[in-house]
């Protein structure tokens, strides 16, 4: 399974750039395989992302903004959902992946099951 992170390489918003960088750096640091999908340089990526963000996860007006995170074609969430999962040591579950042994998330899951 591959994590797809939809980003905008030429965003004028520093907030969006920081959020994108935060997600990508976390995935790289934790050796979680992912692909960047640029919605600014590729119209097909932009169209696919907009069509596949669930209705209840879209903003009240306008289009969903990057970063948007998918596991293959399954929507996982936006930056706010990612941030909350990271704060709760639940990023692997958020991404739909199995936490590696020895990770904080795997340890927390083991304590819950015990």
PDB file of N, CA and C in Angstrom:
ATOM      1  N   UNK A   1       0.836  -1.184   0.000  1.00  0.00           N
ATOM      2  CA  UNK A   1       0.000   0.000   0.000  1.00  0.00           C
ATOM      3  C   UNK A   1       0.877   1.242   0.000  1.00  0.00           C
ATOM      4  N   UNK A   2       0.477   2.187  -0.788  1.00  0.00           N
ATOM      5  CA  UNK A   2       1.244   3.416  -0.891  1.00  0.00           C
ATOM      6  C   UNK A   2       0.398   4.585  -0.405  1.00  0.00           C
ATOM      7  N   UNK A   3       1.012   5.403   0.403  1.00  0.00           N
ATOM      8  CA  UNK A   3       0.366   6.617   0.874  1.00  0.00           C
ATOM      9  C   UNK A   3       0.561   7.682  -0.206  1.00  0.00           C
ATOM     10  N   UNK A   4      -0.524   8.349  -0.575  1.00  0.00           N
ATOM     11  CA  UNK A   4      -0.469   9.439  -1.540  1.00  0.00           C
ATOM     12  C   UNK A   4      -0.776  10.733  -0.793  1.00  0.00           C
ATOM     13  N   UNK A   5       0.134  11.691  -0.913  1.00  0.00           N
ATOM     14  CA  UNK A   5      -0.069  12.996  -0.288  1.00  0.00           C
ATOM     15  C   UNK A   5      -0.236  14.018  -1.410  1.00  0.00           C
ATOM     16  N   UNK A   6      -1.418  14.597  -1.471  1.00  0.00           N
ATOM     17  CA  UNK A   6      -1.707  15.596  -2.491  1.00  0.00           C
ATOM     18  C   UNK A   6      -1.261  16.955  -1.982  1.00  0.00           C
ATOM     19  N   UNK A   7      -0.342  17.555  -2.737  1.00  0.00           N
ATOM     20  CA  UNK A   7       0.259  18.831  -2.358  1.00  0.00           C
ATOM     21  C   UNK A   7       0.105  19.833  -3.496  1.00  0.00           C
ATOM     22  N   UNK A   8       0.397  21.099  -3.210  1.00  0.00           N
ATOM     23  CA  UNK A   8       0.459  22.142  -4.240  1.00  0.00           C
ATOM     24  C   UNK A   8       1.859  22.734  -4.196  1.00  0.00           C
ATOM     25  N   UNK A   9       2.655  22.425  -5.214  1.00  0.00           N
ATOM     26  CA  UNK A   9       4.051  22.880  -5.225  1.00  0.00           C
ATOM     27  C   UNK A   9       4.177  24.392  -5.353  1.00  0.00           C
ATOM     28  N   UNK A  10       3.175  25.036  -5.900  1.00  0.00           N
ATOM     29  CA  UNK A  10       3.275  26.488  -6.096  1.00  0.00           C
ATOM     30  C   UNK A  10       2.190  27.243  -5.325  1.00  0.00           C
ATOM     31  N   UNK A  11       1.943  26.808  -4.112  1.00  0.00           N
ATOM     32  CA  UNK A  11       0.939  27.492  -3.287  1.00  0.00           C
ATOM     33  C   UNK A  11       1.472  28.832  -2.826  1.00  0.00           C
ATOM     34  N   UNK A  12       0.623  29.840  -2.844  1.00  0.00           N
ATOM     35  CA  UNK A  12       1.005  31.154  -2.343  1.00  0.00           C
ATOM     36  C   UNK A  12       0.826  31.276  -0.840  1.00  0.00           C
ATOM     37  N   UNK A  13       0.229  30.255  -0.225  1.00  0.00           N
ATOM     38  CA  UNK A  13      -0.044  30.283   1.211  1.00  0.00           C
ATOM     39  C   UNK A  13       1.097  29.644   1.986  1.00  0.00           C
ATOM     40  N   UNK A  14       1.709  30.417   2.894  1.00  0.00           N
ATOM     41  CA  UNK A  14       2.778  29.846   3.705  1.00  0.00           C
ATOM     42  C   UNK A  14       2.222  28.802   4.669  1.00  0.00           C
ATOM     43  N   UNK A  15       0.972  28.972   5.110  1.00  0.00           N
ATOM     44  CA  UNK A  15       0.363  27.986   6.023  1.00  0.00           C
ATOM     45  C   UNK A  15       0.239  26.635   5.323  1.00  0.00           C
ATOM     46  N   UNK A  16      -0.212  26.633   4.081  1.00  0.00           N
ATOM     47  CA  UNK A  16      -0.337  25.376   3.331  1.00  0.00           C
ATOM     48  C   UNK A  16       1.040  24.757   3.120  1.00  0.00           C
ATOM     49  N   UNK A  17       2.031  25.568   2.761  1.00  0.00           N
ATOM     50  CA  UNK A  17       3.388  25.060   2.552  1.00  0.00           C
ATOM     51  C   UNK A  17       3.927  24.400   3.820  1.00  0.00           C
ATOM     52  N   UNK A  18       3.708  25.042   4.973  1.00  0.00           N
ATOM     53  CA  UNK A  18       4.199  24.488   6.244  1.00  0.00           C
ATOM     54  C   UNK A  18       3.491  23.176   6.580  1.00  0.00           C
ATOM     55  N   UNK A  19       2.186  23.119   6.354  1.00  0.00           N
ATOM     56  CA  UNK A  19       1.438  21.892   6.629  1.00  0.00           C
ATOM     57  C   UNK A  19       1.912  20.753   5.726  1.00  0.00           C
ATOM     58  N   UNK A  20       2.100  21.049   4.450  1.00  0.00           N
ATOM     59  CA  UNK A  20       2.589  20.037   3.514  1.00  0.00           C
ATOM     60  C   UNK A  20       3.952  19.529   3.956  1.00  0.00           C
ATOM     61  N   UNK A  21       4.845  20.461   4.286  1.00  0.00           N
ATOM     62  CA  UNK A  21       6.199  20.088   4.697  1.00  0.00           C
ATOM     63  C   UNK A  21       6.175  19.256   5.979  1.00  0.00           C
ATOM     64  N   UNK A  22       5.296  19.595   6.898  1.00  0.00           N
ATOM     65  CA  UNK A  22       5.166  18.868   8.156  1.00  0.00           C
ATOM     66  C   UNK A  22       4.799  17.405   7.897  1.00  0.00           C
ATOM     67  N   UNK A  23       3.804  17.184   7.027  1.00  0.00           N
ATOM     68  CA  UNK A  23       3.370  15.818   6.707  1.00  0.00           C
ATOM     69  C   UNK A  23       4.500  15.055   6.020  1.00  0.00           C
ATOM     70  N   UNK A  24       5.094  15.657   4.992  1.00  0.00           N
ATOM     71  CA  UNK A  24       6.130  14.975   4.221  1.00  0.00           C
ATOM     72  C   UNK A  24       7.356  14.661   5.082  1.00  0.00           C
ATOM     73  N   UNK A  25       7.772  15.603   5.914  1.00  0.00           N
ATOM     74  CA  UNK A  25       8.937  15.371   6.785  1.00  0.00           C
ATOM     75  C   UNK A  25       8.667  14.253   7.789  1.00  0.00           C
ATOM     76  N   UNK A  26       7.454  14.212   8.339  1.00  0.00           N
ATOM     77  CA  UNK A  26       7.105  13.151   9.285  1.00  0.00           C
ATOM     78  C   UNK A  26       7.178  11.786   8.603  1.00  0.00           C
ATOM     79  N   UNK A  27       6.598  11.687   7.416  1.00  0.00           N
ATOM     80  CA  UNK A  27       6.603  10.412   6.694  1.00  0.00           C
ATOM     81  C   UNK A  27       8.029   9.985   6.365  1.00  0.00           C
ATOM     82  N   UNK A  28       8.858  10.926   5.904  1.00  0.00           N
ATOM     83  CA  UNK A  28      10.252  10.617   5.587  1.00  0.00           C
ATOM     84  C   UNK A  28      11.017  10.182   6.831  1.00  0.00           C
ATOM     85  N   UNK A  29      10.863  10.921   7.921  1.00  0.00           N
ATOM     86  CA  UNK A  29      11.588  10.622   9.160  1.00  0.00           C
ATOM     87  C   UNK A  29      11.224   9.249   9.713  1.00  0.00           C
ATOM     88  N   UNK A  30       9.982   8.831   9.493  1.00  0.00           N
ATOM     89  CA  UNK A  30       9.526   7.538  10.004  1.00  0.00           C
ATOM     90  C   UNK A  30       9.579   6.432   8.954  1.00  0.00           C
ATOM     91  N   UNK A  31      10.233   6.747   7.830  1.00  0.00           N
ATOM     92  CA  UNK A  31      10.443   5.773   6.752  1.00  0.00           C
ATOM     93  C   UNK A  31       9.132   5.134   6.285  1.00  0.00           C
ATOM     94  N   UNK A  32       8.104   5.959   6.190  1.00  0.00           N
ATOM     95  CA  UNK A  32       6.809   5.524   5.675  1.00  0.00           C
ATOM     96  C   UNK A  32       6.788   5.874   4.193  1.00  0.00           C
ATOM     97  N   UNK A  33       6.632   4.857   3.349  1.00  0.00           N
ATOM     98  CA  UNK A  33       6.644   5.083   1.912  1.00  0.00           C
ATOM     99  C   UNK A  33       5.454   5.925   1.472  1.00  0.00           C
ATOM    100  N   UNK A  34       5.714   6.892   0.606  1.00  0.00           N
ATOM    101  CA  UNK A  34       4.644   7.748   0.116  1.00  0.00           C
ATOM    102  C   UNK A  34       5.001   8.294  -1.249  1.00  0.00           C
ATOM    103  N   UNK A  35       3.981   8.791  -1.935  1.00  0.00           N
ATOM    104  CA  UNK A  35       4.167   9.490  -3.201  1.00  0.00           C
ATOM    105  C   UNK A  35       3.525  10.857  -3.081  1.00  0.00           C
ATOM    106  N   UNK A  36       4.245  11.869  -3.549  1.00  0.00           N
ATOM    107  CA  UNK A  36       3.673  13.210  -3.630  1.00  0.00           C
ATOM    108  C   UNK A  36       2.893  13.311  -4.928  1.00  0.00           C
ATOM    109  N   UNK A  37       1.707  13.873  -4.846  1.00  0.00           N
ATOM    110  CA  UNK A  37       0.890  14.113  -6.029  1.00  0.00           C
ATOM    111  C   UNK A  37       0.648  15.617  -6.087  1.00  0.00           C
ATOM    112  N   UNK A  38       1.269  16.270  -7.058  1.00  0.00           N
ATOM    113  CA  UNK A  38       1.207  17.721  -7.156  1.00  0.00           C
ATOM    114  C   UNK A  38      -0.055  18.152  -7.907  1.00  0.00           C
ATOM    115  N   UNK A  39      -0.923  18.876  -7.215  1.00  0.00           N
ATOM    116  CA  UNK A  39      -2.165  19.335  -7.859  1.00  0.00           C
ATOM    117  C   UNK A  39      -1.961  20.647  -8.612  1.00  0.00           C
ATOM    118  N   UNK A  40      -0.837  21.323  -8.384  1.00  0.00           N
ATOM    119  CA  UNK A  40      -0.567  22.580  -9.083  1.00  0.00           C
ATOM    120  C   UNK A  40       0.004  22.319 -10.475  1.00  0.00           C
ATOM    121  N   UNK A  41       0.782  21.267 -10.608  1.00  0.00           N
ATOM    122  CA  UNK A  41       1.445  20.979 -11.879  1.00  0.00           C
ATOM    123  C   UNK A  41       0.710  19.933 -12.708  1.00  0.00           C
ATOM    124  N   UNK A  42      -0.276  19.263 -12.117  1.00  0.00           N
ATOM    125  CA  UNK A  42      -0.947  18.183 -12.834  1.00  0.00           C
ATOM    126  C   UNK A  42      -2.454  18.295 -12.630  1.00  0.00           C
ATOM    127  N   UNK A  43      -3.152  18.644 -13.674  1.00  0.00           N
ATOM    128  CA  UNK A  43      -4.601  18.838 -13.606  1.00  0.00           C
ATOM    129  C   UNK A  43      -5.323  17.541 -13.238  1.00  0.00           C
ATOM    130  N   UNK A  44      -4.820  16.392 -13.696  1.00  0.00           N
ATOM    131  CA  UNK A  44      -5.453  15.116 -13.360  1.00  0.00           C
ATOM    132  C   UNK A  44      -5.384  14.849 -11.858  1.00  0.00           C
ATOM    133  N   UNK A  45      -4.244  15.168 -11.235  1.00  0.00           N
ATOM    134  CA  UNK A  45      -4.122  15.009  -9.784  1.00  0.00           C
ATOM    135  C   UNK A  45      -5.114  15.902  -9.056  1.00  0.00           C
ATOM    136  N   UNK A  46      -5.232  17.148  -9.509  1.00  0.00           N
ATOM    137  CA  UNK A  46      -6.156  18.093  -8.875  1.00  0.00           C
ATOM    138  C   UNK A  46      -7.595  17.582  -8.987  1.00  0.00           C
ATOM    139  N   UNK A  47      -7.972  17.150 -10.173  1.00  0.00           N
ATOM    140  CA  UNK A  47      -9.328  16.657 -10.399  1.00  0.00           C
ATOM    141  C   UNK A  47      -9.605  15.417  -9.556  1.00  0.00           C
ATOM    142  N   UNK A  48      -8.649  14.482  -9.533  1.00  0.00           N
ATOM    143  CA  UNK A  48      -8.839  13.241  -8.765  1.00  0.00           C
ATOM    144  C   UNK A  48      -9.002  13.554  -7.277  1.00  0.00           C
ATOM    145  N   UNK A  49      -8.130  14.429  -6.746  1.00  0.00           N
ATOM    146  CA  UNK A  49      -8.206  14.762  -5.321  1.00  0.00           C
ATOM    147  C   UNK A  49      -9.562  15.383  -4.994  1.00  0.00           C
ATOM    148  N   UNK A  50      -9.994  16.346  -5.792  1.00  0.00           N
ATOM    149  CA  UNK A  50     -11.257  17.034  -5.517  1.00  0.00           C
ATOM    150  C   UNK A  50     -12.436  16.075  -5.572  1.00  0.00           C
ATOM    151  N   UNK A  51     -12.400  15.123  -6.484  1.00  0.00           N
ATOM    152  CA  UNK A  51     -13.504  14.180  -6.631  1.00  0.00           C
ATOM    153  C   UNK A  51     -13.525  13.117  -5.533  1.00  0.00           C
ATOM    154  N   UNK A  52     -12.370  12.838  -4.922  1.00  0.00           N
ATOM    155  CA  UNK A  52     -12.279  11.718  -3.989  1.00  0.00           C
ATOM    156  C   UNK A  52     -12.219  12.102  -2.520  1.00  0.00           C
ATOM    157  N   UNK A  53     -12.189  13.395  -2.204  1.00  0.00           N
ATOM    158  CA  UNK A  53     -12.342  13.816  -0.809  1.00  0.00           C
ATOM    159  C   UNK A  53     -13.838  13.688  -0.510  1.00  0.00           C
ATOM    160  N   UNK A  54     -14.210  12.908   0.519  1.00  0.00           N
ATOM    161  CA  UNK A  54     -15.631  12.704   0.823  1.00  0.00           C
ATOM    162  C   UNK A  54     -16.361  14.020   1.094  1.00  0.00           C
ATOM    163  N   UNK A  55     -17.618  14.021   0.764  1.00  0.00           N
ATOM    164  CA  UNK A  55     -18.454  15.223   0.908  1.00  0.00           C
ATOM    165  C   UNK A  55     -18.392  15.790   2.326  1.00  0.00           C
ATOM    166  N   UNK A  56     -18.422  14.914   3.344  1.00  0.00           N
ATOM    167  CA  UNK A  56     -18.435  15.394   4.732  1.00  0.00           C
ATOM    168  C   UNK A  56     -17.073  15.917   5.196  1.00  0.00           C
ATOM    169  N   UNK A  57     -16.034  15.753   4.370  1.00  0.00           N
ATOM    170  CA  UNK A  57     -14.700  16.255   4.716  1.00  0.00           C
ATOM    171  C   UNK A  57     -14.327  17.504   3.929  1.00  0.00           C
ATOM    172  N   UNK A  58     -15.240  17.986   3.124  1.00  0.00           N
ATOM    173  CA  UNK A  58     -14.971  19.169   2.305  1.00  0.00           C
ATOM    174  C   UNK A  58     -15.314  20.440   3.076  1.00  0.00           C
ATOM    175  N   UNK A  59     -14.640  21.525   2.744  1.00  0.00           N
ATOM    176  CA  UNK A  59     -14.998  22.796   3.391  1.00  0.00           C
ATOM    177  C   UNK A  59     -16.387  23.241   2.935  1.00  0.00           C
ATOM    178  N   UNK A  60     -17.064  24.070   3.735  1.00  0.00           N
ATOM    179  CA  UNK A  60     -18.409  24.520   3.378  1.00  0.00           C
ATOM    180  C   UNK A  60     -18.449  25.259   2.044  1.00  0.00           C
ATOM    181  N   UNK A  61     -17.379  25.975   1.734  1.00  0.00           N
ATOM    182  CA  UNK A  61     -17.303  26.663   0.444  1.00  0.00           C
ATOM    183  C   UNK A  61     -15.955  26.364  -0.192  1.00  0.00           C
ATOM    184  N   UNK A  62     -15.915  26.319  -1.506  1.00  0.00           N
ATOM    185  CA  UNK A  62     -14.656  26.100  -2.211  1.00  0.00           C
ATOM    186  C   UNK A  62     -14.265  24.636  -2.261  1.00  0.00           C
ATOM    187  N   UNK A  63     -13.007  24.414  -2.561  1.00  0.00           N
ATOM    188  CA  UNK A  63     -12.468  23.070  -2.731  1.00  0.00           C
ATOM    189  C   UNK A  63     -11.607  22.680  -1.534  1.00  0.00           C
ATOM    190  N   UNK A  64     -11.419  21.364  -1.311  1.00  0.00           N
ATOM    191  CA  UNK A  64     -10.496  20.942  -0.254  1.00  0.00           C
ATOM    192  C   UNK A  64      -9.072  21.396  -0.588  1.00  0.00           C
ATOM    193  N   UNK A  65      -8.371  21.858   0.419  1.00  0.00           N
ATOM    194  CA  UNK A  65      -7.014  22.363   0.227  1.00  0.00           C
ATOM    195  C   UNK A  65      -5.986  21.308   0.598  1.00  0.00           C
ATOM    196  N   UNK A  66      -4.834  21.345  -0.040  1.00  0.00           N
ATOM    197  CA  UNK A  66      -3.768  20.413   0.327  1.00  0.00           C
ATOM    198  C   UNK A  66      -3.176  20.782   1.683  1.00  0.00           C
ATOM    199  N   UNK A  67      -2.528  19.857   2.356  1.00  0.00           N
ATOM    200  CA  UNK A  67      -2.350  18.470   1.939  1.00  0.00           C
ATOM    201  C   UNK A  67      -3.579  17.618   2.244  1.00  0.00           C
ATOM    202  N   UNK A  68      -3.855  16.684   1.340  1.00  0.00           N
ATOM    203  CA  UNK A  68      -4.894  15.670   1.524  1.00  0.00           C
ATOM    204  C   UNK A  68      -4.185  14.327   1.437  1.00  0.00           C
ATOM    205  N   UNK A  69      -4.561  13.408   2.310  1.00  0.00           N
ATOM    206  CA  UNK A  69      -3.819  12.146   2.442  1.00  0.00           C
ATOM    207  C   UNK A  69      -4.723  10.966   2.115  1.00  0.00           C
ATOM    208  N   UNK A  70      -4.201  10.076   1.277  1.00  0.00           N
ATOM    209  CA  UNK A  70      -4.910   8.867   0.869  1.00  0.00           C
ATOM    210  C   UNK A  70      -3.993   7.667   1.056  1.00  0.00           C
ATOM    211  N   UNK A  71      -4.591   6.507   1.342  1.00  0.00           N
ATOM    212  CA  UNK A  71      -3.879   5.237   1.297  1.00  0.00           C
ATOM    213  C   UNK A  71      -4.406   4.561   0.039  1.00  0.00           C
ATOM    214  N   UNK A  72      -3.559   4.531  -1.010  1.00  0.00           N
ATOM    215  CA  UNK A  72      -4.004   4.154  -2.357  1.00  0.00           C
ATOM    216  C   UNK A  72      -5.155   5.091  -2.723  1.00  0.00           C
ATOM    217  N   UNK A  73      -6.367   4.567  -2.899  1.00  0.00           N
ATOM    218  CA  UNK A  73      -7.490   5.436  -3.260  1.00  0.00           C
ATOM    219  C   UNK A  73      -8.421   5.707  -2.077  1.00  0.00           C
ATOM    220  N   UNK A  74      -8.060   5.204  -0.891  1.00  0.00           N
ATOM    221  CA  UNK A  74      -8.908   5.395   0.293  1.00  0.00           C
ATOM    222  C   UNK A  74      -8.525   6.689   1.015  1.00  0.00           C
ATOM    223  N   UNK A  75      -9.501   7.575   1.155  1.00  0.00           N
ATOM    224  CA  UNK A  75      -9.248   8.855   1.819  1.00  0.00           C
ATOM    225  C   UNK A  75      -8.946   8.632   3.291  1.00  0.00           C
ATOM    226  N   UNK A  76      -7.855   9.248   3.774  1.00  0.00           N
ATOM    227  CA  UNK A  76      -7.476   9.117   5.178  1.00  0.00           C
ATOM    228  C   UNK A  76      -7.690  10.421   5.943  1.00  0.00           C
ATOM    229  N   UNK A  77      -7.559  11.576   5.289  1.00  0.00           N
ATOM    230  CA  UNK A  77      -7.813  12.824   5.992  1.00  0.00           C
ATOM    231  C   UNK A  77      -6.968  13.976   5.488  1.00  0.00           C
ATOM    232  N   UNK A  78      -7.180  15.127   6.125  1.00  0.00           N
ATOM    233  CA  UNK A  78      -6.424  16.332   5.790  1.00  0.00           C
ATOM    234  C   UNK A  78      -5.356  16.569   6.857  1.00  0.00           C
ATOM    235  N   UNK A  79      -4.744  17.744   6.818  1.00  0.00           N
ATOM    236  CA  UNK A  79      -3.677  18.030   7.770  1.00  0.00           C
ATOM    237  C   UNK A  79      -4.166  17.982   9.211  1.00  0.00           C
ATOM    238  N   UNK A  80      -5.346  18.550   9.485  1.00  0.00           N
ATOM    239  CA  UNK A  80      -5.846  18.584  10.856  1.00  0.00           C
ATOM    240  C   UNK A  80      -6.039  17.175  11.413  1.00  0.00           C
ATOM    241  N   UNK A  81      -6.559  16.269  10.589  1.00  0.00           N
ATOM    242  CA  UNK A  81      -6.741  14.879  11.028  1.00  0.00           C
ATOM    243  C   UNK A  81      -5.386  14.206  11.245  1.00  0.00           C
ATOM    244  N   UNK A  82      -4.424  14.487  10.364  1.00  0.00           N
ATOM    245  CA  UNK A  82      -3.070  13.956  10.507  1.00  0.00           C
ATOM    246  C   UNK A  82      -2.436  14.456  11.801  1.00  0.00           C
ATOM    247  N   UNK A  83      -2.565  15.765  12.049  1.00  0.00           N
ATOM    248  CA  UNK A  83      -1.972  16.366  13.239  1.00  0.00           C
ATOM    249  C   UNK A  83      -2.553  15.743  14.504  1.00  0.00           C
ATOM    250  N   UNK A  84      -3.859  15.570  14.534  1.00  0.00           N
ATOM    251  CA  UNK A  84      -4.503  14.960  15.702  1.00  0.00           C
ATOM    252  C   UNK A  84      -4.011  13.527  15.914  1.00  0.00           C
ATOM    253  N   UNK A  85      -3.901  12.771  14.831  1.00  0.00           N
ATOM    254  CA  UNK A  85      -3.399  11.391  14.933  1.00  0.00           C
ATOM    255  C   UNK A  85      -1.959  11.379  15.441  1.00  0.00           C
ATOM    256  N   UNK A  86      -1.149  12.307  14.970  1.00  0.00           N
ATOM    257  CA  UNK A  86       0.250  12.372  15.414  1.00  0.00           C
ATOM    258  C   UNK A  86       0.327  12.703  16.896  1.00  0.00           C
ATOM    259  N   UNK A  87      -0.496  13.640  17.349  1.00  0.00           N
ATOM    260  CA  UNK A  87      -0.509  14.014  18.759  1.00  0.00           C
ATOM    261  C   UNK A  87      -0.944  12.850  19.657  1.00  0.00           C
ATOM    262  N   UNK A  88      -1.784  11.965  19.121  1.00  0.00           N
ATOM    263  CA  UNK A  88      -2.295  10.823  19.880  1.00  0.00           C
ATOM    264  C   UNK A  88      -1.512   9.533  19.618  1.00  0.00           C
ATOM    265  N   UNK A  89      -0.333   9.659  18.988  1.00  0.00           N
ATOM    266  CA  UNK A  89       0.474   8.484  18.633  1.00  0.00           C
ATOM    267  C   UNK A  89      -0.349   7.447  17.881  1.00  0.00           C
ATOM    268  N   UNK A  90      -1.113   7.908  16.905  1.00  0.00           N
ATOM    269  CA  UNK A  90      -1.981   7.003  16.149  1.00  0.00           C
ATOM    270  C   UNK A  90      -1.852   7.224  14.640  1.00  0.00           C
ATOM    271  N   UNK A  91      -0.673   7.661  14.194  1.00  0.00           N
ATOM    272  CA  UNK A  91      -0.501   7.979  12.773  1.00  0.00           C
ATOM    273  C   UNK A  91      -0.627   6.739  11.896  1.00  0.00           C
ATOM    274  N   UNK A  92      -0.068   5.620  12.338  1.00  0.00           N
ATOM    275  CA  UNK A  92      -0.140   4.407  11.506  1.00  0.00           C
ATOM    276  C   UNK A  92      -1.594   3.973  11.320  1.00  0.00           C
ATOM    277  N   UNK A  93      -2.369   4.001  12.384  1.00  0.00           N
ATOM    278  CA  UNK A  93      -3.794   3.669  12.278  1.00  0.00           C
ATOM    279  C   UNK A  93      -4.501   4.670  11.368  1.00  0.00           C
ATOM    280  N   UNK A  94      -4.183   5.951  11.512  1.00  0.00           N
ATOM    281  CA  UNK A  94      -4.759   6.985  10.659  1.00  0.00           C
ATOM    282  C   UNK A  94      -4.464   6.695   9.191  1.00  0.00           C
ATOM    283  N   UNK A  95      -3.243   6.273   8.911  1.00  0.00           N
ATOM    284  CA  UNK A  95      -2.840   6.002   7.527  1.00  0.00           C
ATOM    285  C   UNK A  95      -3.349   4.649   7.019  1.00  0.00           C
ATOM    286  N   UNK A  96      -3.891   3.821   7.915  1.00  0.00           N
ATOM    287  CA  UNK A  96      -4.350   2.501   7.514  1.00  0.00           C
ATOM    288  C   UNK A  96      -3.207   1.508   7.414  1.00  0.00           C
ATOM    289  N   UNK A  97      -2.150   1.741   8.204  1.00  0.00           N
ATOM    290  CA  UNK A  97      -0.964   0.881   8.201  1.00  0.00           C
ATOM    291  C   UNK A  97      -0.797   0.214   9.555  1.00  0.00           C
ATOM    292  N   UNK A  98      -0.023  -0.855   9.587  1.00  0.00           N
ATOM    293  CA  UNK A  98       0.302  -1.528  10.841  1.00  0.00           C
ATOM    294  C   UNK A  98       1.509  -0.830  11.458  1.00  0.00           C
ATOM    295  N   UNK A  99       1.404  -0.487  12.723  1.00  0.00           N
ATOM    296  CA  UNK A  99       2.513   0.176  13.416  1.00  0.00           C
ATOM    297  C   UNK A  99       3.674  -0.797  13.560  1.00  0.00           C
ATOM    298  N   UNK A 100       4.904  -0.353  13.297  1.00  0.00           N
ATOM    299  CA  UNK A 100       6.055  -1.249  13.427  1.00  0.00           C
ATOM    300  C   UNK A 100       6.333  -1.583  14.889  1.00  0.00           C
ATOM    301  N   UNK A 101       6.835  -2.787  15.151  1.00  0.00           N
ATOM    302  CA  UNK A 101       7.168  -3.159  16.532  1.00  0.00           C
ATOM    303  C   UNK A 101       8.154  -2.162  17.136  1.00  0.00           C
ATOM    304  N   UNK A 102       7.933  -1.823  18.386  1.00  0.00           N
ATOM    305  CA  UNK A 102       8.816  -0.899  19.082  1.00  0.00           C
ATOM    306  C   UNK A 102       8.405   0.558  18.950  1.00  0.00           C
ATOM    307  N   UNK A 103       7.458   0.857  18.078  1.00  0.00           N
ATOM    308  CA  UNK A 103       7.009   2.246  17.943  1.00  0.00           C
ATOM    309  C   UNK A 103       6.095   2.601  19.108  1.00  0.00           C
ATOM    310  N   UNK A 104       5.969   3.886  19.396  1.00  0.00           N
ATOM    311  CA  UNK A 104       5.087   4.333  20.475  1.00  0.00           C
ATOM    312  C   UNK A 104       3.662   3.854  20.236  1.00  0.00           C
ATOM    313  N   UNK A 105       3.255   3.880  18.971  1.00  0.00           N
ATOM    314  CA  UNK A 105       1.895   3.473  18.634  1.00  0.00           C
ATOM    315  C   UNK A 105       1.688   1.982  18.893  1.00  0.00           C
ATOM    316  N   UNK A 106       2.666   1.151  18.522  1.00  0.00           N
ATOM    317  CA  UNK A 106       2.559  -0.290  18.760  1.00  0.00           C
ATOM    318  C   UNK A 106       2.532  -0.575  20.254  1.00  0.00           C
ATOM    319  N   UNK A 107       3.342   0.136  21.023  1.00  0.00           N
ATOM    320  CA  UNK A 107       3.354  -0.046  22.481  1.00  0.00           C
ATOM    321  C   UNK A 107       2.021   0.349  23.091  1.00  0.00           C
ATOM    322  N   UNK A 108       1.437   1.447  22.622  1.00  0.00           N
ATOM    323  CA  UNK A 108       0.146   1.899  23.132  1.00  0.00           C
ATOM    324  C   UNK A 108      -0.946   0.882  22.800  1.00  0.00           C
ATOM    325  N   UNK A 109      -0.906   0.303  21.599  1.00  0.00           N
ATOM    326  CA  UNK A 109      -1.885  -0.709  21.205  1.00  0.00           C
ATOM    327  C   UNK A 109      -1.735  -1.953  22.072  1.00  0.00           C
ATOM    328  N   UNK A 110      -0.504  -2.347  22.377  1.00  0.00           N
ATOM    329  CA  UNK A 110      -0.281  -3.522  23.205  1.00  0.00           C
ATOM    330  C   UNK A 110      -0.818  -3.312  24.616  1.00  0.00           C
ATOM    331  N   UNK A 111      -0.652  -2.117  25.172  1.00  0.00           N
ATOM    332  CA  UNK A 111      -1.164  -1.810  26.506  1.00  0.00           C
ATOM    333  C   UNK A 111      -2.702  -1.865  26.519  1.00  0.00           C
ATOM    334  N   UNK A 112      -3.340  -1.369  25.437  1.00  0.00           N
ATOM    335  CA  UNK A 112      -4.793  -1.390  25.368  1.00  0.00           C
ATOM    336  C   UNK A 112      -5.324  -2.809  25.308  1.00  0.00           C
ATOM    337  N   UNK A 113      -4.591  -3.692  24.641  1.00  0.00           N
ATOM    338  CA  UNK A 113      -5.040  -5.074  24.474  1.00  0.00           C
ATOM    339  C   UNK A 113      -4.787  -5.909  25.718  1.00  0.00           C
ATOM    340  N   UNK A 114      -3.863  -5.461  26.559  1.00  0.00           N
ATOM    341  CA  UNK A 114      -3.498  -6.220  27.762  1.00  0.00           C
ATOM    342  C   UNK A 114      -4.525  -6.052  28.867  1.00  0.00           C
TER     343      UNK A 114
END
